[in-house]
Amino acid sequence: MRKALCVYFLVMTDIIFSQNVVRENYQIVCGRDTANHFYLSGSVYEKRGNNIERDFYGASIFIKGTKVGTQAGKEGKYCLDITSVVDTATSFTIICHFITYKNKEITIKKPFEKRATLDFNLEPGPGVDDYPEIILNQK
């Protein structure tokens, strides 16, 4: 039962967070209506030297101050429909977040491209030794 629930959760997560994404030959192509929509796509990864150490499946990519966002899918790739923000803003900030890694914020200004690419190279956050010590008093 537990295994079936886990599989169901993973399948539903993939379906929910890839609504605007069409997969063609293992490449991500953002939504089909590109004439009227603006899309931002790219990858989320950790790079050390010339090597990509890992891709971030499940990383959150969202527009600061809005409810517009998505999650990175397999291989850390994402697609975000930014049409609602482009229509009203002269600039906006994209935030990429993954637990235990530093948030990355990038501001995008007009003119906006219909299909832009933005990759995020995340850096590890503070180590365990950097957190304050918590002492519990048990009685």
C-alpha atoms as a PDB file:
ATOM      1  CA  MET A   1       0.000   0.000   0.000  1.00  0.00           C
ATOM      2  CA  ARG A   2       2.779   2.415   0.939  1.00  0.00           C
ATOM      3  CA  LYS A   3       4.629   1.712  -2.318  1.00  0.00           C
ATOM      4  CA  ALA A   4       1.455   2.265  -4.358  1.00  0.00           C
ATOM      5  CA  LEU A   5       0.862   5.631  -2.657  1.00  0.00           C
ATOM      6  CA  CYS A   6       4.446   6.720  -3.370  1.00  0.00           C
ATOM      7  CA  VAL A   7       4.139   5.811  -7.044  1.00  0.00           C
ATOM      8  CA  TYR A   8       0.772   7.595  -7.268  1.00  0.00           C
ATOM      9  CA  PHE A   9       2.246  10.728  -5.633  1.00  0.00           C
ATOM     10  CA  LEU A  10       5.233  10.805  -8.015  1.00  0.00           C
ATOM     11  CA  VAL A  11       3.045  10.341 -11.102  1.00  0.00           C
ATOM     12  CA  MET A  12       0.571  13.018 -10.005  1.00  0.00           C
ATOM     13  CA  THR A  13       3.367  15.448  -9.126  1.00  0.00           C
ATOM     14  CA  ASP A  14       4.881  15.002 -12.571  1.00  0.00           C
ATOM     15  CA  ILE A  15       1.488  15.568 -14.232  1.00  0.00           C
ATOM     16  CA  ILE A  16       0.579  18.620 -12.131  1.00  0.00           C
ATOM     17  CA  PHE A  17       3.876  20.437 -12.525  1.00  0.00           C
ATOM     18  CA  SER A  18       4.313  19.779 -16.234  1.00  0.00           C
ATOM     19  CA  GLN A  19       0.963  21.124 -17.455  1.00  0.00           C
ATOM     20  CA  ASN A  20       2.478  23.623 -19.880  1.00  0.00           C
ATOM     21  CA  VAL A  21       5.350  21.397 -20.884  1.00  0.00           C
ATOM     22  CA  VAL A  22       5.427  19.209 -23.971  1.00  0.00           C
ATOM     23  CA  ARG A  23       8.158  16.575 -24.048  1.00  0.00           C
ATOM     24  CA  GLU A  24       9.537  15.884 -27.510  1.00  0.00           C
ATOM     25  CA  ASN A  25      12.549  13.598 -27.918  1.00  0.00           C
ATOM     26  CA  TYR A  26      13.630  14.187 -24.295  1.00  0.00           C
ATOM     27  CA  GLN A  27      13.701  17.948 -24.839  1.00  0.00           C
ATOM     28  CA  ILE A  28      11.330  20.275 -23.058  1.00  0.00           C
ATOM     29  CA  VAL A  29       9.328  22.558 -25.306  1.00  0.00           C
ATOM     30  CA  CYS A  30       7.188  25.119 -23.537  1.00  0.00           C
ATOM     31  CA  GLY A  31       3.450  25.303 -24.312  1.00  0.00           C
ATOM     32  CA  ARG A  32       2.038  25.142 -27.799  1.00  0.00           C
ATOM     33  CA  ASP A  33       0.490  28.647 -28.004  1.00  0.00           C
ATOM     34  CA  THR A  34       3.727  30.619 -28.361  1.00  0.00           C
ATOM     35  CA  ALA A  35       2.130  33.411 -30.413  1.00  0.00           C
ATOM     36  CA  ASN A  36       0.258  34.850 -27.419  1.00  0.00           C
ATOM     37  CA  HIS A  37       2.354  33.623 -24.500  1.00  0.00           C
ATOM     38  CA  PHE A  38       5.763  34.343 -23.005  1.00  0.00           C
ATOM     39  CA  TYR A  39       7.721  31.376 -21.645  1.00  0.00           C
ATOM     40  CA  LEU A  40      10.853  31.081 -19.581  1.00  0.00           C
ATOM     41  CA  SER A  41      12.620  27.727 -19.578  1.00  0.00           C
ATOM     42  CA  GLY A  42      15.938  26.317 -18.488  1.00  0.00           C
ATOM     43  CA  SER A  43      17.712  23.990 -16.085  1.00  0.00           C
ATOM     44  CA  VAL A  44      18.562  23.947 -12.392  1.00  0.00           C
ATOM     45  CA  TYR A  45      21.874  22.318 -11.488  1.00  0.00           C
ATOM     46  CA  GLU A  46      24.997  22.424  -9.332  1.00  0.00           C
ATOM     47  CA  LYS A  47      28.190  22.860 -11.308  1.00  0.00           C
ATOM     48  CA  ARG A  48      31.686  22.374  -9.941  1.00  0.00           C
ATOM     49  CA  GLY A  49      34.486  23.213 -12.309  1.00  0.00           C
ATOM     50  CA  ASN A  50      33.413  22.097 -15.773  1.00  0.00           C
ATOM     51  CA  ASN A  51      31.220  19.248 -14.519  1.00  0.00           C
ATOM     52  CA  ILE A  52      27.551  19.318 -13.597  1.00  0.00           C
ATOM     53  CA  GLU A  53      27.393  17.505 -10.256  1.00  0.00           C
ATOM     54  CA  ARG A  54      23.642  17.107 -10.054  1.00  0.00           C
ATOM     55  CA  ASP A  55      20.327  18.206 -11.516  1.00  0.00           C
ATOM     56  CA  PHE A  56      17.643  19.444  -9.136  1.00  0.00           C
ATOM     57  CA  TYR A  57      14.396  17.530  -9.661  1.00  0.00           C
ATOM     58  CA  GLY A  58      11.715  19.360  -7.675  1.00  0.00           C
ATOM     59  CA  ALA A  59      13.455  22.743  -7.372  1.00  0.00           C
ATOM     60  CA  SER A  60      10.987  25.652  -7.119  1.00  0.00           C
ATOM     61  CA  ILE A  61      11.131  28.431  -9.696  1.00  0.00           C
ATOM     62  CA  PHE A  62       8.748  31.334  -9.155  1.00  0.00           C
ATOM     63  CA  ILE A  63       8.223  35.042  -9.752  1.00  0.00           C
ATOM     64  CA  LYS A  64       8.812  37.100  -6.620  1.00  0.00           C
ATOM     65  CA  GLY A  65       5.658  38.668  -5.190  1.00  0.00           C
ATOM     66  CA  THR A  66       3.252  36.558  -7.282  1.00  0.00           C
ATOM     67  CA  LYS A  67       1.687  33.108  -7.262  1.00  0.00           C
ATOM     68  CA  VAL A  68       3.267  32.286 -10.632  1.00  0.00           C
ATOM     69  CA  GLY A  69       5.674  29.388 -10.341  1.00  0.00           C
ATOM     70  CA  THR A  70       6.617  25.841 -11.248  1.00  0.00           C
ATOM     71  CA  GLN A  71       8.890  22.982 -10.240  1.00  0.00           C
ATOM     72  CA  ALA A  72      11.841  21.550 -12.114  1.00  0.00           C
ATOM     73  CA  GLY A  73      11.153  18.154 -13.615  1.00  0.00           C
ATOM     74  CA  LYS A  74      13.478  15.372 -14.618  1.00  0.00           C
ATOM     75  CA  GLU A  75      17.059  16.446 -15.272  1.00  0.00           C
ATOM     76  CA  GLY A  76      16.296  19.737 -13.499  1.00  0.00           C
ATOM     77  CA  LYS A  77      14.455  21.232 -16.490  1.00  0.00           C
ATOM     78  CA  TYR A  78      11.551  23.647 -16.074  1.00  0.00           C
ATOM     79  CA  CYS A  79       9.106  25.729 -18.089  1.00  0.00           C
ATOM     80  CA  LEU A  80       7.320  28.781 -16.689  1.00  0.00           C
ATOM     81  CA  ASP A  81       4.498  30.723 -18.377  1.00  0.00           C
ATOM     82  CA  ILE A  82       5.281  34.369 -17.553  1.00  0.00           C
ATOM     83  CA  THR A  83       2.583  35.966 -19.733  1.00  0.00           C
ATOM     84  CA  SER A  84       0.545  37.380 -16.828  1.00  0.00           C
ATOM     85  CA  VAL A  85       3.572  39.209 -15.439  1.00  0.00           C
ATOM     86  CA  VAL A  86       4.935  40.438 -18.777  1.00  0.00           C
ATOM     87  CA  ASP A  87       1.649  42.185 -19.559  1.00  0.00           C
ATOM     88  CA  THR A  88       1.848  44.414 -16.466  1.00  0.00           C
ATOM     89  CA  ALA A  89       5.499  44.727 -15.396  1.00  0.00           C
ATOM     90  CA  THR A  90       8.565  46.532 -16.671  1.00  0.00           C
ATOM     91  CA  SER A  91      10.756  44.094 -14.739  1.00  0.00           C
ATOM     92  CA  PHE A  92      10.371  41.123 -12.419  1.00  0.00           C
ATOM     93  CA  THR A  93      12.551  38.840 -10.304  1.00  0.00           C
ATOM     94  CA  ILE A  94      12.763  35.090 -10.769  1.00  0.00           C
ATOM     95  CA  ILE A  95      13.679  33.072  -7.661  1.00  0.00           C
ATOM     96  CA  CYS A  96      15.020  29.532  -7.710  1.00  0.00           C
ATOM     97  CA  HIS A  97      14.891  27.579  -4.453  1.00  0.00           C
ATOM     98  CA  PHE A  98      16.005  24.114  -3.396  1.00  0.00           C
ATOM     99  CA  ILE A  99      16.222  22.999   0.217  1.00  0.00           C
ATOM    100  CA  THR A 100      19.724  23.288   1.791  1.00  0.00           C
ATOM    101  CA  TYR A 101      20.919  25.414  -1.159  1.00  0.00           C
ATOM    102  CA  LYS A 102      21.157  29.204  -1.414  1.00  0.00           C
ATOM    103  CA  ASN A 103      18.268  30.904  -3.211  1.00  0.00           C
ATOM    104  CA  LYS A 104      19.216  32.444  -6.530  1.00  0.00           C
ATOM    105  CA  GLU A 105      17.420  35.637  -7.619  1.00  0.00           C
ATOM    106  CA  ILE A 106      17.678  37.088 -11.129  1.00  0.00           C
ATOM    107  CA  THR A 107      15.908  40.262 -12.276  1.00  0.00           C
ATOM    108  CA  ILE A 108      14.636  40.377 -15.846  1.00  0.00           C
ATOM    109  CA  LYS A 109      13.874  43.726 -17.517  1.00  0.00           C
ATOM    110  CA  LYS A 110      12.033  44.760 -20.679  1.00  0.00           C
ATOM    111  CA  PRO A 111      12.134  44.017 -23.579  1.00  0.00           C
ATOM    112  CA  PHE A 112      10.963  40.464 -22.877  1.00  0.00           C
ATOM    113  CA  GLU A 113      11.523  37.654 -25.341  1.00  0.00           C
ATOM    114  CA  LYS A 114       8.668  35.257 -26.164  1.00  0.00           C
ATOM    115  CA  ARG A 115      10.851  32.230 -25.428  1.00  0.00           C
ATOM    116  CA  ALA A 116      13.744  32.978 -23.108  1.00  0.00           C
ATOM    117  CA  THR A 117      16.182  30.559 -21.488  1.00  0.00           C
ATOM    118  CA  LEU A 118      17.466  30.983 -17.950  1.00  0.00           C
ATOM    119  CA  ASP A 119      19.638  28.390 -16.193  1.00  0.00           C
ATOM    120  CA  PHE A 120      20.316  28.344 -12.455  1.00  0.00           C
ATOM    121  CA  ASN A 121      23.605  27.128 -10.978  1.00  0.00           C
ATOM    122  CA  LEU A 122      22.827  26.708  -7.274  1.00  0.00           C
ATOM    123  CA  GLU A 123      25.419  26.840  -4.506  1.00  0.00           C
ATOM    124  CA  PRO A 124      25.233  24.769  -1.316  1.00  0.00           C
ATOM    125  CA  GLY A 125      23.876  26.588   1.721  1.00  0.00           C
ATOM    126  CA  PRO A 126      25.531  26.785   5.105  1.00  0.00           C
ATOM    127  CA  GLY A 127      26.813  23.531   6.547  1.00  0.00           C
ATOM    128  CA  VAL A 128      25.477  21.874   9.656  1.00  0.00           C
ATOM    129  CA  ASP A 129      28.304  23.388  11.709  1.00  0.00           C
ATOM    130  CA  ASP A 130      27.135  26.897  10.783  1.00  0.00           C
ATOM    131  CA  TYR A 131      23.763  26.529  12.495  1.00  0.00           C
ATOM    132  CA  PRO A 132      23.403  27.730  16.090  1.00  0.00           C
ATOM    133  CA  GLU A 133      23.514  25.048  18.726  1.00  0.00           C
ATOM    134  CA  ILE A 134      20.151  24.199  20.217  1.00  0.00           C
ATOM    135  CA  ILE A 135      20.141  22.849  23.756  1.00  0.00           C
ATOM    136  CA  LEU A 136      17.041  21.060  24.969  1.00  0.00           C
ATOM    137  CA  ASN A 137      16.358  20.879  28.677  1.00  0.00           C
ATOM    138  CA  GLN A 138      14.561  17.677  29.471  1.00  0.00           C
ATOM    139  CA  LYS A 139      12.969  17.144  32.853  1.00  0.00           C
END
